[in-house]
Amino acid sequence: MPLTIILNLGRIMLRFSLLICFCALISGCGADENSLQLYKVTGKVTKAGAPASDVQVKLVPRSTTKAPLLIGRTIDDGTFEIIAPGGKKGAPVGDYKVVLTPNTEMSTDDYSSGNAPKTDSSEIPQTYQSAETTEASITVSADADNTITIDIP
């Protein structure tokens, strides 16, 4: 009888240890989007030297950068500030492509792919409207002025 009790206690302790390990794993794994440190990102968009207003500016992370959806919109003087989800200002450290689109409604697929919505007429060249073709980029740094100026031809 004592051997059976010892074996049962061993099984109980093993199960309890596995439960503790599992709880530790699920509570501590993964980075929370809310825990990302954000740094101020501002800029100005011009078209042939004149301020470009009502342009949506989207930062699309390059493959090594993990970031939430980051967008801004130019105002009358062409300036913008990047906003993260929840209205938080800024972007995490990393390399980004800058996509410019007319300020129109975009589908979820357009947002996640970094592509612009289809528009018939736009003063923004198609080159700037896709993450695959845009030449505009920015590297967000913790210790630098994260400002970009883009002049659309």
N, C-alpha and C. Protein backbone atom coordinates (compact mmCIF):
# COMPACT_ATOMS: atom_id res chain seq x y z
N MET A 1 0.79 -1.21 0.00
CA MET A 1 0.00 0.00 0.00
C MET A 1 0.83 1.28 0.00
N PRO A 2 1.88 1.37 0.78
CA PRO A 2 2.66 2.60 0.79
C PRO A 2 3.27 2.91 -0.58
N LEU A 3 3.63 1.88 -1.36
CA LEU A 3 4.20 2.11 -2.68
C LEU A 3 3.17 2.76 -3.60
N THR A 4 1.92 2.38 -3.52
CA THR A 4 0.86 2.96 -4.33
C THR A 4 0.66 4.44 -3.98
N ILE A 5 0.71 4.75 -2.70
CA ILE A 5 0.55 6.13 -2.27
C ILE A 5 1.71 6.98 -2.80
N ILE A 6 2.92 6.47 -2.74
CA ILE A 6 4.09 7.20 -3.23
C ILE A 6 3.98 7.43 -4.73
N LEU A 7 3.54 6.42 -5.49
CA LEU A 7 3.38 6.57 -6.94
C LEU A 7 2.30 7.60 -7.27
N ASN A 8 1.20 7.57 -6.54
CA ASN A 8 0.13 8.55 -6.76
C ASN A 8 0.61 9.97 -6.45
N LEU A 9 1.35 10.14 -5.36
CA LEU A 9 1.89 11.46 -5.03
C LEU A 9 2.84 11.95 -6.12
N GLY A 10 3.63 11.05 -6.68
CA GLY A 10 4.54 11.40 -7.77
C GLY A 10 3.79 11.89 -8.99
N ARG A 11 2.70 11.22 -9.34
CA ARG A 11 1.88 11.63 -10.49
C ARG A 11 1.23 12.99 -10.24
N ILE A 12 0.73 13.17 -9.03
CA ILE A 12 0.10 14.45 -8.68
C ILE A 12 1.12 15.59 -8.77
N MET A 13 2.32 15.37 -8.23
CA MET A 13 3.36 16.40 -8.27
C MET A 13 3.77 16.70 -9.72
N LEU A 14 3.86 15.69 -10.57
CA LEU A 14 4.22 15.88 -11.97
C LEU A 14 3.15 16.71 -12.67
N ARG A 15 1.89 16.37 -12.46
CA ARG A 15 0.80 17.12 -13.08
C ARG A 15 0.77 18.57 -12.59
N PHE A 16 0.97 18.75 -11.30
CA PHE A 16 0.99 20.09 -10.73
C PHE A 16 2.14 20.91 -11.32
N SER A 17 3.30 20.31 -11.46
CA SER A 17 4.47 20.99 -12.04
C SER A 17 4.20 21.38 -13.49
N LEU A 18 3.60 20.48 -14.26
CA LEU A 18 3.26 20.79 -15.65
C LEU A 18 2.25 21.92 -15.73
N LEU A 19 1.27 21.94 -14.83
CA LEU A 19 0.29 23.01 -14.81
C LEU A 19 0.95 24.35 -14.51
N ILE A 20 1.85 24.38 -13.56
CA ILE A 20 2.57 25.62 -13.22
C ILE A 20 3.38 26.10 -14.42
N CYS A 21 4.09 25.21 -15.10
CA CYS A 21 4.89 25.58 -16.28
C CYS A 21 3.99 26.12 -17.39
N PHE A 22 2.86 25.48 -17.62
CA PHE A 22 1.94 25.93 -18.66
C PHE A 22 1.41 27.32 -18.36
N CYS A 23 1.02 27.56 -17.11
CA CYS A 23 0.52 28.88 -16.72
C CYS A 23 1.59 29.95 -16.90
N ALA A 24 2.82 29.63 -16.57
CA ALA A 24 3.91 30.59 -16.73
C ALA A 24 4.14 30.91 -18.21
N LEU A 25 4.04 29.90 -19.06
CA LEU A 25 4.24 30.11 -20.49
C LEU A 25 3.17 31.00 -21.10
N ILE A 26 1.90 30.73 -20.80
CA ILE A 26 0.85 31.50 -21.45
C ILE A 26 0.75 32.92 -20.90
N SER A 27 1.18 33.14 -19.69
CA SER A 27 1.09 34.49 -19.14
C SER A 27 2.26 35.38 -19.55
N GLY A 28 3.38 34.80 -19.94
CA GLY A 28 4.55 35.61 -20.22
C GLY A 28 5.00 35.64 -21.66
N CYS A 29 4.31 34.99 -22.56
CA CYS A 29 4.75 34.92 -23.95
C CYS A 29 4.12 36.01 -24.79
N GLY A 30 4.88 36.49 -25.75
CA GLY A 30 4.34 37.44 -26.72
C GLY A 30 4.43 38.87 -26.24
N ALA A 31 4.57 39.78 -27.21
CA ALA A 31 4.61 41.20 -26.89
C ALA A 31 3.23 41.80 -27.11
N ASP A 32 2.79 42.55 -26.17
CA ASP A 32 1.51 43.22 -26.28
C ASP A 32 1.67 44.47 -27.12
N GLU A 33 0.74 44.68 -28.07
CA GLU A 33 0.80 45.86 -28.93
C GLU A 33 0.81 47.14 -28.09
N ASN A 34 0.14 47.11 -26.95
CA ASN A 34 0.08 48.29 -26.09
C ASN A 34 1.41 48.56 -25.39
N SER A 35 2.30 47.55 -25.34
CA SER A 35 3.56 47.73 -24.64
C SER A 35 4.66 48.26 -25.55
N LEU A 36 4.40 48.43 -26.85
CA LEU A 36 5.41 48.95 -27.76
C LEU A 36 5.70 50.41 -27.43
N GLN A 37 6.98 50.75 -27.35
CA GLN A 37 7.39 52.13 -27.11
C GLN A 37 7.23 52.91 -28.42
N LEU A 38 6.51 54.03 -28.37
CA LEU A 38 6.27 54.83 -29.56
C LEU A 38 7.11 56.11 -29.51
N TYR A 39 7.59 56.53 -30.69
CA TYR A 39 8.38 57.74 -30.82
C TYR A 39 7.72 58.65 -31.84
N LYS A 40 7.70 59.94 -31.54
CA LYS A 40 7.02 60.93 -32.37
C LYS A 40 7.55 60.89 -33.80
N VAL A 41 6.61 60.84 -34.76
CA VAL A 41 6.94 60.87 -36.19
C VAL A 41 6.07 61.95 -36.83
N THR A 42 6.72 62.93 -37.44
CA THR A 42 6.01 64.02 -38.11
C THR A 42 6.61 64.21 -39.49
N GLY A 43 5.92 65.00 -40.29
CA GLY A 43 6.45 65.27 -41.61
C GLY A 43 5.62 66.26 -42.37
N LYS A 44 6.00 66.43 -43.63
CA LYS A 44 5.29 67.34 -44.51
C LYS A 44 5.28 66.72 -45.90
N VAL A 45 4.13 66.83 -46.56
CA VAL A 45 3.98 66.36 -47.93
C VAL A 45 3.69 67.58 -48.80
N THR A 46 4.47 67.70 -49.87
CA THR A 46 4.25 68.79 -50.82
C THR A 46 4.08 68.19 -52.22
N LYS A 47 3.40 68.95 -53.06
CA LYS A 47 3.25 68.56 -54.47
C LYS A 47 3.80 69.71 -55.28
N ALA A 48 4.89 69.44 -55.97
CA ALA A 48 5.58 70.47 -56.76
C ALA A 48 5.90 71.70 -55.90
N GLY A 49 6.26 71.45 -54.64
CA GLY A 49 6.65 72.53 -53.74
C GLY A 49 5.54 73.15 -52.93
N ALA A 50 4.28 72.91 -53.28
CA ALA A 50 3.14 73.47 -52.55
C ALA A 50 2.60 72.43 -51.55
N PRO A 51 2.11 72.87 -50.39
CA PRO A 51 1.57 71.93 -49.40
C PRO A 51 0.46 71.05 -50.00
N ALA A 52 0.52 69.76 -49.70
CA ALA A 52 -0.51 68.82 -50.15
C ALA A 52 -1.40 68.49 -48.96
N SER A 53 -2.65 68.94 -49.02
CA SER A 53 -3.56 68.70 -47.90
C SER A 53 -4.43 67.48 -48.17
N ASP A 54 -4.96 66.93 -47.08
CA ASP A 54 -5.89 65.80 -47.12
C ASP A 54 -5.29 64.58 -47.82
N VAL A 55 -4.03 64.30 -47.50
CA VAL A 55 -3.34 63.11 -48.01
C VAL A 55 -3.16 62.16 -46.83
N GLN A 56 -3.50 60.90 -47.03
CA GLN A 56 -3.28 59.91 -45.99
C GLN A 56 -1.85 59.40 -46.09
N VAL A 57 -1.15 59.39 -44.96
CA VAL A 57 0.23 58.93 -44.89
C VAL A 57 0.22 57.66 -44.05
N LYS A 58 0.72 56.57 -44.62
CA LYS A 58 0.73 55.29 -43.91
C LYS A 58 2.15 54.77 -43.83
N LEU A 59 2.58 54.35 -42.64
CA LEU A 59 3.88 53.71 -42.48
C LEU A 59 3.68 52.21 -42.54
N VAL A 60 4.34 51.58 -43.50
CA VAL A 60 4.25 50.13 -43.68
C VAL A 60 5.58 49.54 -43.22
N PRO A 61 5.57 48.69 -42.19
CA PRO A 61 6.83 48.16 -41.68
C PRO A 61 7.53 47.27 -42.71
N ARG A 62 8.85 47.40 -42.76
CA ARG A 62 9.63 46.47 -43.57
C ARG A 62 9.61 45.14 -42.83
N SER A 63 10.09 44.09 -43.43
CA SER A 63 9.93 42.74 -42.89
C SER A 63 10.49 42.57 -41.48
N THR A 64 11.48 43.33 -41.07
CA THR A 64 12.09 43.14 -39.76
C THR A 64 11.44 43.97 -38.65
N THR A 65 10.49 44.79 -39.00
CA THR A 65 9.86 45.68 -38.02
C THR A 65 8.47 45.19 -37.67
N LYS A 66 8.20 45.04 -36.37
CA LYS A 66 6.85 44.67 -35.93
C LYS A 66 6.16 45.94 -35.47
N ALA A 67 5.03 46.23 -36.10
CA ALA A 67 4.34 47.47 -35.75
C ALA A 67 2.85 47.35 -36.02
N PRO A 68 2.04 48.08 -35.27
CA PRO A 68 0.61 48.13 -35.55
C PRO A 68 0.34 49.05 -36.74
N LEU A 69 -0.90 49.23 -37.09
CA LEU A 69 -1.30 50.15 -38.16
C LEU A 69 -0.91 51.57 -37.76
N LEU A 70 -0.16 52.24 -38.62
CA LEU A 70 0.34 53.58 -38.33
C LEU A 70 -0.05 54.51 -39.46
N ILE A 71 -0.91 55.50 -39.15
CA ILE A 71 -1.38 56.41 -40.20
C ILE A 71 -1.38 57.85 -39.72
N GLY A 72 -1.41 58.74 -40.68
CA GLY A 72 -1.55 60.16 -40.40
C GLY A 72 -2.29 60.79 -41.56
N ARG A 73 -2.67 62.05 -41.42
CA ARG A 73 -3.35 62.77 -42.50
C ARG A 73 -2.82 64.19 -42.54
N THR A 74 -2.48 64.63 -43.74
CA THR A 74 -1.96 65.99 -43.85
C THR A 74 -3.09 66.99 -43.66
N ILE A 75 -2.72 68.14 -43.08
CA ILE A 75 -3.67 69.24 -42.93
C ILE A 75 -3.34 70.28 -43.99
N ASP A 76 -3.98 71.44 -43.92
CA ASP A 76 -3.84 72.45 -44.98
C ASP A 76 -2.40 72.84 -45.31
N ASP A 77 -1.52 72.86 -44.32
CA ASP A 77 -0.13 73.25 -44.59
C ASP A 77 0.75 72.07 -45.01
N GLY A 78 0.14 70.88 -45.21
CA GLY A 78 0.87 69.71 -45.67
C GLY A 78 1.53 68.90 -44.58
N THR A 79 1.42 69.34 -43.33
CA THR A 79 2.07 68.62 -42.24
C THR A 79 1.18 67.49 -41.72
N PHE A 80 1.82 66.51 -41.10
CA PHE A 80 1.09 65.38 -40.52
C PHE A 80 1.84 64.86 -39.31
N GLU A 81 1.12 64.08 -38.50
CA GLU A 81 1.71 63.37 -37.38
C GLU A 81 1.17 61.95 -37.42
N ILE A 82 2.04 60.98 -37.22
CA ILE A 82 1.63 59.57 -37.28
C ILE A 82 0.93 59.19 -35.98
N ILE A 83 -0.19 58.48 -36.14
CA ILE A 83 -1.01 58.02 -35.01
C ILE A 83 -1.08 56.50 -35.04
N ALA A 84 -0.89 55.88 -33.89
CA ALA A 84 -1.01 54.43 -33.73
C ALA A 84 -2.42 54.11 -33.23
N PRO A 85 -2.79 52.82 -33.17
CA PRO A 85 -4.11 52.46 -32.65
C PRO A 85 -4.36 53.04 -31.26
N GLY A 86 -5.60 53.36 -31.00
CA GLY A 86 -5.98 53.92 -29.71
C GLY A 86 -5.68 55.40 -29.60
N GLY A 87 -5.33 56.03 -30.73
CA GLY A 87 -5.04 57.46 -30.72
C GLY A 87 -3.67 57.82 -30.18
N LYS A 88 -2.83 56.82 -29.94
CA LYS A 88 -1.49 57.10 -29.43
C LYS A 88 -0.63 57.66 -30.55
N LYS A 89 0.16 58.66 -30.24
CA LYS A 89 0.99 59.32 -31.25
C LYS A 89 2.35 58.64 -31.34
N GLY A 90 2.80 58.41 -32.59
CA GLY A 90 4.14 57.89 -32.80
C GLY A 90 4.16 56.51 -33.42
N ALA A 91 5.40 56.00 -33.55
CA ALA A 91 5.64 54.69 -34.16
C ALA A 91 6.78 54.00 -33.42
N PRO A 92 6.78 52.67 -33.41
CA PRO A 92 7.90 51.95 -32.80
C PRO A 92 9.18 52.13 -33.62
N VAL A 93 10.32 51.93 -33.00
CA VAL A 93 11.60 51.98 -33.70
C VAL A 93 11.58 50.96 -34.83
N GLY A 94 12.10 51.35 -35.99
CA GLY A 94 12.18 50.42 -37.11
C GLY A 94 12.21 51.12 -38.45
N ASP A 95 12.28 50.32 -39.50
CA ASP A 95 12.31 50.81 -40.87
C ASP A 95 10.93 50.68 -41.50
N TYR A 96 10.50 51.73 -42.18
CA TYR A 96 9.16 51.77 -42.76
C TYR A 96 9.20 52.31 -44.19
N LYS A 97 8.30 51.81 -45.00
CA LYS A 97 8.00 52.41 -46.30
C LYS A 97 6.86 53.39 -46.05
N VAL A 98 6.85 54.50 -46.78
CA VAL A 98 5.81 55.50 -46.61
C VAL A 98 4.90 55.47 -47.82
N VAL A 99 3.62 55.18 -47.58
CA VAL A 99 2.62 55.10 -48.64
C VAL A 99 1.72 56.32 -48.54
N LEU A 100 1.49 56.99 -49.66
CA LEU A 100 0.64 58.18 -49.72
C LEU A 100 -0.57 57.89 -50.57
N THR A 101 -1.74 58.23 -50.05
CA THR A 101 -2.98 58.02 -50.80
C THR A 101 -3.92 59.19 -50.57
N PRO A 102 -4.86 59.38 -51.50
CA PRO A 102 -5.90 60.38 -51.23
C PRO A 102 -6.64 59.95 -49.96
N ASN A 103 -7.09 60.88 -49.18
CA ASN A 103 -7.77 60.54 -47.93
C ASN A 103 -9.17 60.03 -48.22
N THR A 104 -9.26 58.74 -48.54
CA THR A 104 -10.54 58.08 -48.81
C THR A 104 -10.66 56.87 -47.89
N GLU A 105 -11.82 56.30 -47.85
CA GLU A 105 -12.03 55.10 -47.05
C GLU A 105 -11.25 53.95 -47.66
N MET A 106 -10.60 53.16 -46.80
CA MET A 106 -9.85 52.00 -47.26
C MET A 106 -10.44 50.74 -46.63
N SER A 107 -10.38 49.65 -47.38
CA SER A 107 -10.84 48.38 -46.83
C SER A 107 -9.76 47.81 -45.91
N THR A 108 -10.13 46.83 -45.10
CA THR A 108 -9.18 46.17 -44.23
C THR A 108 -8.08 45.50 -45.04
N ASP A 109 -8.43 44.91 -46.19
CA ASP A 109 -7.42 44.27 -47.04
C ASP A 109 -6.42 45.29 -47.55
N ASP A 110 -6.90 46.48 -47.94
CA ASP A 110 -5.98 47.53 -48.40
C ASP A 110 -5.02 47.93 -47.28
N TYR A 111 -5.55 48.11 -46.06
CA TYR A 111 -4.70 48.50 -44.94
C TYR A 111 -3.63 47.45 -44.69
N SER A 112 -4.02 46.18 -44.59
CA SER A 112 -3.07 45.14 -44.22
C SER A 112 -2.04 44.88 -45.31
N SER A 113 -2.38 45.12 -46.57
CA SER A 113 -1.42 44.87 -47.65
C SER A 113 -0.55 46.08 -47.94
N GLY A 114 -0.92 47.23 -47.41
CA GLY A 114 -0.14 48.44 -47.67
C GLY A 114 -0.46 49.08 -49.00
N ASN A 115 -1.56 48.69 -49.61
CA ASN A 115 -1.95 49.24 -50.90
C ASN A 115 -3.03 50.30 -50.74
N ALA A 116 -3.10 51.16 -51.71
CA ALA A 116 -4.09 52.23 -51.70
C ALA A 116 -5.41 51.74 -52.26
N PRO A 117 -6.51 52.38 -51.88
CA PRO A 117 -7.77 52.04 -52.51
C PRO A 117 -7.73 52.49 -53.97
N LYS A 118 -8.51 51.85 -54.79
CA LYS A 118 -8.52 52.21 -56.21
C LYS A 118 -9.31 53.50 -56.39
N THR A 119 -8.68 54.48 -57.03
CA THR A 119 -9.34 55.75 -57.31
C THR A 119 -9.18 56.06 -58.78
N ASP A 120 -10.17 56.74 -59.36
CA ASP A 120 -10.13 57.09 -60.77
C ASP A 120 -9.15 58.22 -61.04
N SER A 121 -9.17 59.24 -60.21
CA SER A 121 -8.26 60.36 -60.44
C SER A 121 -7.60 60.73 -59.13
N SER A 122 -6.32 61.00 -59.22
CA SER A 122 -5.58 61.36 -58.03
C SER A 122 -4.40 62.22 -58.42
N GLU A 123 -4.10 63.15 -57.55
CA GLU A 123 -2.92 63.97 -57.78
C GLU A 123 -1.67 63.29 -57.23
N ILE A 124 -1.83 62.12 -56.65
CA ILE A 124 -0.70 61.38 -56.11
C ILE A 124 -0.32 60.29 -57.12
N PRO A 125 0.92 60.30 -57.61
CA PRO A 125 1.33 59.26 -58.56
C PRO A 125 1.16 57.86 -57.97
N GLN A 126 0.81 56.92 -58.81
CA GLN A 126 0.59 55.53 -58.38
C GLN A 126 1.82 54.95 -57.68
N THR A 127 2.99 55.40 -58.04
CA THR A 127 4.23 54.91 -57.42
C THR A 127 4.19 55.04 -55.90
N TYR A 128 3.63 56.14 -55.41
CA TYR A 128 3.58 56.39 -53.97
C TYR A 128 2.43 55.67 -53.27
N GLN A 129 1.52 55.09 -54.04
CA GLN A 129 0.30 54.53 -53.46
C GLN A 129 0.40 53.05 -53.11
N SER A 130 1.56 52.46 -53.23
CA SER A 130 1.73 51.04 -52.93
C SER A 130 3.03 50.83 -52.16
N ALA A 131 2.98 49.94 -51.18
CA ALA A 131 4.18 49.62 -50.41
C ALA A 131 5.24 48.96 -51.28
N GLU A 132 4.81 48.29 -52.34
CA GLU A 132 5.76 47.61 -53.23
C GLU A 132 6.52 48.58 -54.12
N THR A 133 5.93 49.74 -54.44
CA THR A 133 6.56 50.64 -55.41
C THR A 133 7.02 51.98 -54.84
N THR A 134 6.60 52.33 -53.65
CA THR A 134 6.99 53.64 -53.11
C THR A 134 8.49 53.73 -52.88
N GLU A 135 9.02 54.90 -53.15
CA GLU A 135 10.44 55.14 -52.88
C GLU A 135 10.63 55.87 -51.55
N ALA A 136 9.54 56.35 -50.98
CA ALA A 136 9.61 57.09 -49.72
C ALA A 136 9.79 56.11 -48.56
N SER A 137 10.68 56.45 -47.65
CA SER A 137 10.91 55.59 -46.49
C SER A 137 11.39 56.43 -45.31
N ILE A 138 11.29 55.84 -44.13
CA ILE A 138 11.78 56.50 -42.92
C ILE A 138 12.27 55.42 -41.96
N THR A 139 13.32 55.74 -41.23
CA THR A 139 13.80 54.90 -40.15
C THR A 139 13.49 55.63 -38.85
N VAL A 140 12.61 55.04 -38.05
CA VAL A 140 12.23 55.63 -36.76
C VAL A 140 13.27 55.20 -35.73
N SER A 141 13.80 56.18 -35.02
CA SER A 141 14.84 55.93 -34.04
C SER A 141 14.44 56.54 -32.70
N ALA A 142 14.94 55.95 -31.63
CA ALA A 142 14.63 56.45 -30.29
C ALA A 142 15.37 57.74 -29.98
N ASP A 143 16.49 57.97 -30.64
CA ASP A 143 17.32 59.13 -30.30
C ASP A 143 17.53 60.09 -31.48
N ALA A 144 16.56 60.14 -32.39
CA ALA A 144 16.69 61.02 -33.55
C ALA A 144 15.40 61.80 -33.77
N ASP A 145 15.50 62.81 -34.62
CA ASP A 145 14.32 63.58 -35.03
C ASP A 145 13.65 62.79 -36.15
N ASN A 146 12.52 62.20 -35.87
CA ASN A 146 11.82 61.35 -36.83
C ASN A 146 10.88 62.18 -37.69
N THR A 147 11.48 62.97 -38.56
CA THR A 147 10.73 63.86 -39.44
C THR A 147 11.06 63.52 -40.88
N ILE A 148 10.03 63.50 -41.73
CA ILE A 148 10.23 63.21 -43.15
C ILE A 148 9.50 64.26 -43.97
N THR A 149 10.14 64.67 -45.05
CA THR A 149 9.52 65.58 -46.02
C THR A 149 9.47 64.85 -47.35
N ILE A 150 8.29 64.81 -47.95
CA ILE A 150 8.10 64.14 -49.23
C ILE A 150 7.55 65.15 -50.22
N ASP A 151 8.27 65.33 -51.33
CA ASP A 151 7.79 66.22 -52.39
C ASP A 151 7.33 65.36 -53.55
N ILE A 152 6.04 65.38 -53.79
CA ILE A 152 5.45 64.62 -54.90
C ILE A 152 5.67 65.42 -56.18
N PRO A 153 6.22 64.79 -57.21
CA PRO A 153 6.44 65.51 -58.48
C PRO A 153 5.13 65.84 -59.18
